[in-house]
Amino acid sequence: DWGQFRVAAGVGYRDGVVINGGGTSAVITGGGIDLATASGVASIMHMPTGIFVTGNVGMGDGTLPYIGFGPILPSYAVDTKGWAVTAGVEERWTKLGKTTVFGEYGDVKVDVERTFVCCAGTLTPSYELGVTYWGGGVVQSIDAAALDLYANVRFYDGSFNASWIQNPGNSGLLYELDADAIVGTMGARIKF
């Protein structure tokens, strides 16, 4: 605690293979991604009012081996980055327990590309995945039962682009996909 404020923060680092169980394609293989990631989070709450803000950021880079038919090609370079912020208020408005109301926003991007010699030059296929989300929710604590009731909703906006650059002088967009989703959850959590 720092005066009327409660502050918490943390950082993390991971370096290792992430296993992909999603099947095999030209981009995402059935193997693993050798990925180094770093992330950090910080949160501050004004104790008299219960107003809080939490932010986090993460980034990573690594390699994704090419597994496919034909010649052995270079691995893909993987670059990830994302951030999110949550803000809200936690206050005791009823005798049941504290109520938390919050809103959130986040953005995640993944870029995958490689370059290899082809067709009297170099060829660089690249893939970009981006997801932005926003939403909010409420949590009602029931102190007598050590129970939390919660409900939240998130709106997702996703995009996927595949393109290529051939040196010298050619480029193109292979395909582009945009998708939206709304995900809501409700439930209860008992604290043991």
C-alpha atoms as a PDB file:
ATOM      1  CA  ASP A   1       0.000   0.000   0.000  1.00  0.00           C
ATOM      2  CA  TRP A   2       1.074   3.531  -0.759  1.00  0.00           C
ATOM      3  CA  GLY A   3      -0.997   6.103   1.126  1.00  0.00           C
ATOM      4  CA  GLN A   4      -4.576   5.800  -0.130  1.00  0.00           C
ATOM      5  CA  PHE A   5      -3.491   3.652  -3.058  1.00  0.00           C
ATOM      6  CA  ARG A   6      -2.845  -0.057  -3.391  1.00  0.00           C
ATOM      7  CA  VAL A   7      -0.285  -0.823  -6.092  1.00  0.00           C
ATOM      8  CA  ALA A   8       0.760  -4.209  -7.480  1.00  0.00           C
ATOM      9  CA  ALA A   9       2.989  -5.110 -10.430  1.00  0.00           C
ATOM     10  CA  GLY A  10       4.796  -8.045 -11.947  1.00  0.00           C
ATOM     11  CA  VAL A  11       6.981  -9.054 -14.868  1.00  0.00           C
ATOM     12  CA  GLY A  12       7.590 -12.384 -16.512  1.00  0.00           C
ATOM     13  CA  TYR A  13       9.817 -14.011 -19.106  1.00  0.00           C
ATOM     14  CA  ARG A  14       9.546 -17.376 -20.830  1.00  0.00           C
ATOM     15  CA  ASP A  15      11.786 -19.002 -23.413  1.00  0.00           C
ATOM     16  CA  GLY A  16      10.867 -22.385 -24.799  1.00  0.00           C
ATOM     17  CA  VAL A  17       8.781 -24.423 -27.185  1.00  0.00           C
ATOM     18  CA  VAL A  18       5.033 -23.879 -27.378  1.00  0.00           C
ATOM     19  CA  ILE A  19       3.295 -27.006 -28.664  1.00  0.00           C
ATOM     20  CA  ASN A  20       0.659 -26.567 -31.342  1.00  0.00           C
ATOM     21  CA  GLY A  21      -2.115 -29.140 -31.260  1.00  0.00           C
ATOM     22  CA  GLY A  22      -4.131 -27.399 -33.959  1.00  0.00           C
ATOM     23  CA  GLY A  23      -3.112 -29.594 -36.885  1.00  0.00           C
ATOM     24  CA  THR A  24      -0.895 -28.977 -39.883  1.00  0.00           C
ATOM     25  CA  SER A  25      -1.097 -26.247 -42.491  1.00  0.00           C
ATOM     26  CA  ALA A  26       1.392 -24.294 -44.561  1.00  0.00           C
ATOM     27  CA  VAL A  27       1.676 -21.698 -41.798  1.00  0.00           C
ATOM     28  CA  ILE A  28       0.899 -23.368 -38.468  1.00  0.00           C
ATOM     29  CA  THR A  29       2.502 -26.743 -38.252  1.00  0.00           C
ATOM     30  CA  GLY A  30       1.762 -29.690 -36.040  1.00  0.00           C
ATOM     31  CA  GLY A  31       5.090 -29.128 -34.299  1.00  0.00           C
ATOM     32  CA  GLY A  32       6.073 -26.404 -31.907  1.00  0.00           C
ATOM     33  CA  ILE A  33       6.992 -22.725 -31.937  1.00  0.00           C
ATOM     34  CA  ASP A  34      10.281 -21.817 -30.275  1.00  0.00           C
ATOM     35  CA  LEU A  35       9.125 -18.592 -28.651  1.00  0.00           C
ATOM     36  CA  ALA A  36      10.649 -16.148 -26.166  1.00  0.00           C
ATOM     37  CA  THR A  37       8.059 -13.927 -24.467  1.00  0.00           C
ATOM     38  CA  ALA A  38       8.225 -11.079 -21.991  1.00  0.00           C
ATOM     39  CA  SER A  39       5.247  -9.537 -20.234  1.00  0.00           C
ATOM     40  CA  GLY A  40       4.407  -7.089 -17.515  1.00  0.00           C
ATOM     41  CA  VAL A  41       1.342  -6.050 -15.547  1.00  0.00           C
ATOM     42  CA  ALA A  42       0.598  -3.188 -13.163  1.00  0.00           C
ATOM     43  CA  SER A  43      -2.508  -2.328 -11.172  1.00  0.00           C
ATOM     44  CA  ILE A  44      -3.485   0.593  -8.971  1.00  0.00           C
ATOM     45  CA  MET A  45      -6.583   1.039  -6.808  1.00  0.00           C
ATOM     46  CA  HIS A  46      -7.726   4.116  -4.906  1.00  0.00           C
ATOM     47  CA  MET A  47      -8.835   2.466  -1.651  1.00  0.00           C
ATOM     48  CA  PRO A  48     -11.404   5.039  -0.420  1.00  0.00           C
ATOM     49  CA  THR A  49     -13.362   4.974  -3.709  1.00  0.00           C
ATOM     50  CA  GLY A  50     -12.536   1.489  -5.032  1.00  0.00           C
ATOM     51  CA  ILE A  51     -11.621   2.871  -8.473  1.00  0.00           C
ATOM     52  CA  PHE A  52      -8.944   0.772 -10.139  1.00  0.00           C
ATOM     53  CA  VAL A  53      -6.951   0.491 -13.370  1.00  0.00           C
ATOM     54  CA  THR A  54      -4.939  -2.517 -14.510  1.00  0.00           C
ATOM     55  CA  GLY A  55      -2.727  -2.583 -17.589  1.00  0.00           C
ATOM     56  CA  ASN A  56      -0.603  -5.285 -19.144  1.00  0.00           C
ATOM     57  CA  VAL A  57       1.698  -5.606 -22.106  1.00  0.00           C
ATOM     58  CA  GLY A  58       3.490  -8.521 -23.697  1.00  0.00           C
ATOM     59  CA  MET A  59       5.740  -9.267 -26.640  1.00  0.00           C
ATOM     60  CA  GLY A  60       7.539 -12.219 -28.052  1.00  0.00           C
ATOM     61  CA  ASP A  61       9.607 -13.456 -30.945  1.00  0.00           C
ATOM     62  CA  GLY A  62      10.698 -16.838 -32.129  1.00  0.00           C
ATOM     63  CA  THR A  63      10.753 -19.335 -34.956  1.00  0.00           C
ATOM     64  CA  LEU A  64       8.229 -21.711 -36.423  1.00  0.00           C
ATOM     65  CA  PRO A  65       9.781 -24.588 -38.389  1.00  0.00           C
ATOM     66  CA  TYR A  66       8.397 -25.288 -41.846  1.00  0.00           C
ATOM     67  CA  ILE A  67       6.954 -28.780 -42.119  1.00  0.00           C
ATOM     68  CA  GLY A  68       5.616 -29.578 -45.552  1.00  0.00           C
ATOM     69  CA  PHE A  69       6.207 -31.320 -48.819  1.00  0.00           C
ATOM     70  CA  GLY A  70       8.971 -30.550 -51.259  1.00  0.00           C
ATOM     71  CA  PRO A  71      12.275 -28.822 -50.515  1.00  0.00           C
ATOM     72  CA  ILE A  72      13.350 -27.887 -47.021  1.00  0.00           C
ATOM     73  CA  LEU A  73      12.581 -24.195 -46.576  1.00  0.00           C
ATOM     74  CA  PRO A  74      13.681 -21.703 -43.920  1.00  0.00           C
ATOM     75  CA  SER A  75      11.723 -21.395 -40.691  1.00  0.00           C
ATOM     76  CA  TYR A  76       9.156 -18.667 -40.226  1.00  0.00           C
ATOM     77  CA  ALA A  77      10.002 -15.716 -37.999  1.00  0.00           C
ATOM     78  CA  VAL A  78       7.243 -15.104 -35.434  1.00  0.00           C
ATOM     79  CA  ASP A  79       6.664 -11.701 -33.819  1.00  0.00           C
ATOM     80  CA  THR A  80       3.890 -11.160 -31.259  1.00  0.00           C
ATOM     81  CA  LYS A  81       2.776  -8.145 -29.287  1.00  0.00           C
ATOM     82  CA  GLY A  82      -0.257  -7.182 -27.284  1.00  0.00           C
ATOM     83  CA  TRP A  83      -1.612  -4.935 -24.588  1.00  0.00           C
ATOM     84  CA  ALA A  84      -4.783  -4.603 -22.540  1.00  0.00           C
ATOM     85  CA  VAL A  85      -6.317  -2.300 -19.966  1.00  0.00           C
ATOM     86  CA  THR A  86      -9.115  -2.892 -17.467  1.00  0.00           C
ATOM     87  CA  ALA A  87     -10.725  -0.158 -15.389  1.00  0.00           C
ATOM     88  CA  GLY A  88     -13.575  -0.173 -12.959  1.00  0.00           C
ATOM     89  CA  VAL A  89     -14.830   0.288  -9.444  1.00  0.00           C
ATOM     90  CA  GLU A  90     -15.143  -2.107  -6.504  1.00  0.00           C
ATOM     91  CA  GLU A  91     -17.476  -0.963  -3.736  1.00  0.00           C
ATOM     92  CA  ARG A  92     -19.831  -2.342  -1.107  1.00  0.00           C
ATOM     93  CA  TRP A  93     -23.242  -1.117  -2.273  1.00  0.00           C
ATOM     94  CA  THR A  94     -25.288  -3.901  -0.647  1.00  0.00           C
ATOM     95  CA  LYS A  95     -25.088  -5.947   2.524  1.00  0.00           C
ATOM     96  CA  LEU A  96     -24.284  -9.043   0.415  1.00  0.00           C
ATOM     97  CA  GLY A  97     -20.700  -8.002  -0.261  1.00  0.00           C
ATOM     98  CA  LYS A  98     -18.581  -5.961  -2.638  1.00  0.00           C
ATOM     99  CA  THR A  99     -19.715  -5.283  -6.202  1.00  0.00           C
ATOM    100  CA  THR A 100     -17.158  -4.864  -8.989  1.00  0.00           C
ATOM    101  CA  VAL A 101     -18.091  -3.205 -12.281  1.00  0.00           C
ATOM    102  CA  PHE A 102     -15.422  -3.033 -14.986  1.00  0.00           C
ATOM    103  CA  GLY A 103     -14.692  -2.295 -18.633  1.00  0.00           C
ATOM    104  CA  GLU A 104     -11.803  -3.631 -20.689  1.00  0.00           C
ATOM    105  CA  TYR A 105      -9.992  -3.120 -23.990  1.00  0.00           C
ATOM    106  CA  GLY A 106      -7.171  -5.085 -25.572  1.00  0.00           C
ATOM    107  CA  ASP A 107      -5.219  -5.541 -28.800  1.00  0.00           C
ATOM    108  CA  VAL A 108      -3.083  -8.512 -29.913  1.00  0.00           C
ATOM    109  CA  LYS A 109      -1.052  -8.901 -33.116  1.00  0.00           C
ATOM    110  CA  VAL A 110       0.936 -11.844 -34.507  1.00  0.00           C
ATOM    111  CA  ASP A 111       3.184 -11.513 -37.583  1.00  0.00           C
ATOM    112  CA  VAL A 112       4.723 -14.560 -39.271  1.00  0.00           C
ATOM    113  CA  GLU A 113       7.081 -14.394 -42.272  1.00  0.00           C
ATOM    114  CA  ARG A 114      10.126 -15.926 -43.916  1.00  0.00           C
ATOM    115  CA  THR A 115      12.342 -15.174 -46.887  1.00  0.00           C
ATOM    116  CA  PHE A 116      13.900 -17.709 -49.258  1.00  0.00           C
ATOM    117  CA  VAL A 117      15.514 -17.757 -52.695  1.00  0.00           C
ATOM    118  CA  CYS A 118      13.020 -18.457 -55.450  1.00  0.00           C
ATOM    119  CA  CYS A 119      12.336 -17.587 -59.069  1.00  0.00           C
ATOM    120  CA  ALA A 120      15.551 -15.624 -59.779  1.00  0.00           C
ATOM    121  CA  GLY A 121      15.134 -13.536 -56.636  1.00  0.00           C
ATOM    122  CA  THR A 122      13.742 -13.803 -53.138  1.00  0.00           C
ATOM    123  CA  LEU A 123      10.196 -14.594 -52.028  1.00  0.00           C
ATOM    124  CA  THR A 124       8.767 -13.439 -48.683  1.00  0.00           C
ATOM    125  CA  PRO A 125       5.355 -14.774 -47.715  1.00  0.00           C
ATOM    126  CA  SER A 126       3.907 -13.066 -44.641  1.00  0.00           C
ATOM    127  CA  TYR A 127       0.847 -13.596 -42.469  1.00  0.00           C
ATOM    128  CA  GLU A 128      -0.696 -11.086 -40.073  1.00  0.00           C
ATOM    129  CA  LEU A 129      -3.279 -11.896 -37.418  1.00  0.00           C
ATOM    130  CA  GLY A 130      -4.837  -9.143 -35.331  1.00  0.00           C
ATOM    131  CA  VAL A 131      -7.515  -9.258 -32.639  1.00  0.00           C
ATOM    132  CA  THR A 132      -9.004  -6.270 -30.850  1.00  0.00           C
ATOM    133  CA  TYR A 133     -11.528  -6.735 -28.065  1.00  0.00           C
ATOM    134  CA  TRP A 134     -13.568  -4.618 -25.714  1.00  0.00           C
ATOM    135  CA  GLY A 135     -16.164  -5.438 -23.127  1.00  0.00           C
ATOM    136  CA  GLY A 136     -17.206  -5.235 -19.544  1.00  0.00           C
ATOM    137  CA  GLY A 137     -18.787  -7.044 -16.697  1.00  0.00           C
ATOM    138  CA  VAL A 138     -19.937  -7.197 -13.118  1.00  0.00           C
ATOM    139  CA  VAL A 139     -18.987  -9.394 -10.146  1.00  0.00           C
ATOM    140  CA  GLN A 140     -21.156  -9.592  -7.027  1.00  0.00           C
ATOM    141  CA  SER A 141     -19.554 -11.104  -3.930  1.00  0.00           C
ATOM    142  CA  ILE A 142     -21.757 -12.843  -1.375  1.00  0.00           C
ATOM    143  CA  ASP A 143     -19.613 -12.862   1.743  1.00  0.00           C
ATOM    144  CA  ALA A 144     -21.793 -15.220   3.822  1.00  0.00           C
ATOM    145  CA  ALA A 145     -21.440 -17.979   1.226  1.00  0.00           C
ATOM    146  CA  ALA A 146     -17.855 -17.236   0.090  1.00  0.00           C
ATOM    147  CA  LEU A 147     -19.411 -16.937  -3.376  1.00  0.00           C
ATOM    148  CA  ASP A 148     -18.902 -14.664  -6.389  1.00  0.00           C
ATOM    149  CA  LEU A 149     -21.586 -14.281  -9.066  1.00  0.00           C
ATOM    150  CA  TYR A 150     -20.281 -12.882 -12.351  1.00  0.00           C
ATOM    151  CA  ALA A 151     -21.428 -11.855 -15.822  1.00  0.00           C
ATOM    152  CA  ASN A 152     -19.398 -10.318 -18.614  1.00  0.00           C
ATOM    153  CA  VAL A 153     -19.395  -9.772 -22.356  1.00  0.00           C
ATOM    154  CA  ARG A 154     -16.599  -9.259 -24.891  1.00  0.00           C
ATOM    155  CA  PHE A 155     -16.793  -8.002 -28.456  1.00  0.00           C
ATOM    156  CA  TYR A 156     -13.983  -9.288 -30.706  1.00  0.00           C
ATOM    157  CA  ASP A 157     -12.844  -7.848 -34.034  1.00  0.00           C
ATOM    158  CA  GLY A 158     -10.328 -10.075 -35.816  1.00  0.00           C
ATOM    159  CA  SER A 159      -8.450  -9.881 -39.093  1.00  0.00           C
ATOM    160  CA  PHE A 160      -6.108 -12.189 -40.995  1.00  0.00           C
ATOM    161  CA  ASN A 161      -4.024 -11.187 -44.029  1.00  0.00           C
ATOM    162  CA  ALA A 162      -1.711 -13.299 -46.148  1.00  0.00           C
ATOM    163  CA  SER A 163       0.565 -11.557 -48.628  1.00  0.00           C
ATOM    164  CA  TRP A 164       3.842 -12.017 -50.465  1.00  0.00           C
ATOM    165  CA  ILE A 165       6.700  -9.917 -51.791  1.00  0.00           C
ATOM    166  CA  GLN A 166       8.950 -11.160 -54.582  1.00  0.00           C
ATOM    167  CA  ASN A 167      12.189  -9.327 -55.151  1.00  0.00           C
ATOM    168  CA  PRO A 168      12.668  -7.880 -57.686  1.00  0.00           C
ATOM    169  CA  GLY A 169       9.424  -6.028 -58.135  1.00  0.00           C
ATOM    170  CA  ASN A 170       6.307  -8.100 -57.415  1.00  0.00           C
ATOM    171  CA  SER A 171       3.888  -8.288 -54.498  1.00  0.00           C
ATOM    172  CA  GLY A 172       0.349  -9.355 -53.848  1.00  0.00           C
ATOM    173  CA  LEU A 173      -2.370 -10.067 -51.339  1.00  0.00           C
ATOM    174  CA  LEU A 174      -3.230 -13.760 -51.232  1.00  0.00           C
ATOM    175  CA  TYR A 175      -6.291 -13.488 -49.040  1.00  0.00           C
ATOM    176  CA  GLU A 176      -7.873 -11.378 -46.383  1.00  0.00           C
ATOM    177  CA  LEU A 177     -10.361 -12.370 -43.706  1.00  0.00           C
ATOM    178  CA  ASP A 178     -12.256 -10.269 -41.171  1.00  0.00           C
ATOM    179  CA  ALA A 179     -14.379 -11.760 -38.415  1.00  0.00           C
ATOM    180  CA  ASP A 180     -16.357 -10.452 -35.460  1.00  0.00           C
ATOM    181  CA  ALA A 181     -17.612 -12.313 -32.420  1.00  0.00           C
ATOM    182  CA  ILE A 182     -19.526 -11.598 -29.246  1.00  0.00           C
ATOM    183  CA  VAL A 183     -18.821 -13.831 -26.241  1.00  0.00           C
ATOM    184  CA  GLY A 184     -20.732 -13.616 -22.990  1.00  0.00           C
ATOM    185  CA  THR A 185     -20.266 -15.613 -19.794  1.00  0.00           C
ATOM    186  CA  MET A 186     -22.211 -15.942 -16.578  1.00  0.00           C
ATOM    187  CA  GLY A 187     -21.455 -18.094 -13.596  1.00  0.00           C
ATOM    188  CA  ALA A 188     -20.571 -18.530  -9.972  1.00  0.00           C
ATOM    189  CA  ARG A 189     -17.292 -19.133  -8.201  1.00  0.00           C
ATOM    190  CA  ILE A 190     -17.020 -20.595  -4.690  1.00  0.00           C
ATOM    191  CA  LYS A 191     -13.905 -19.647  -2.715  1.00  0.00           C
ATOM    192  CA  PHE A 192     -12.510 -22.515  -0.637  1.00  0.00           C
END
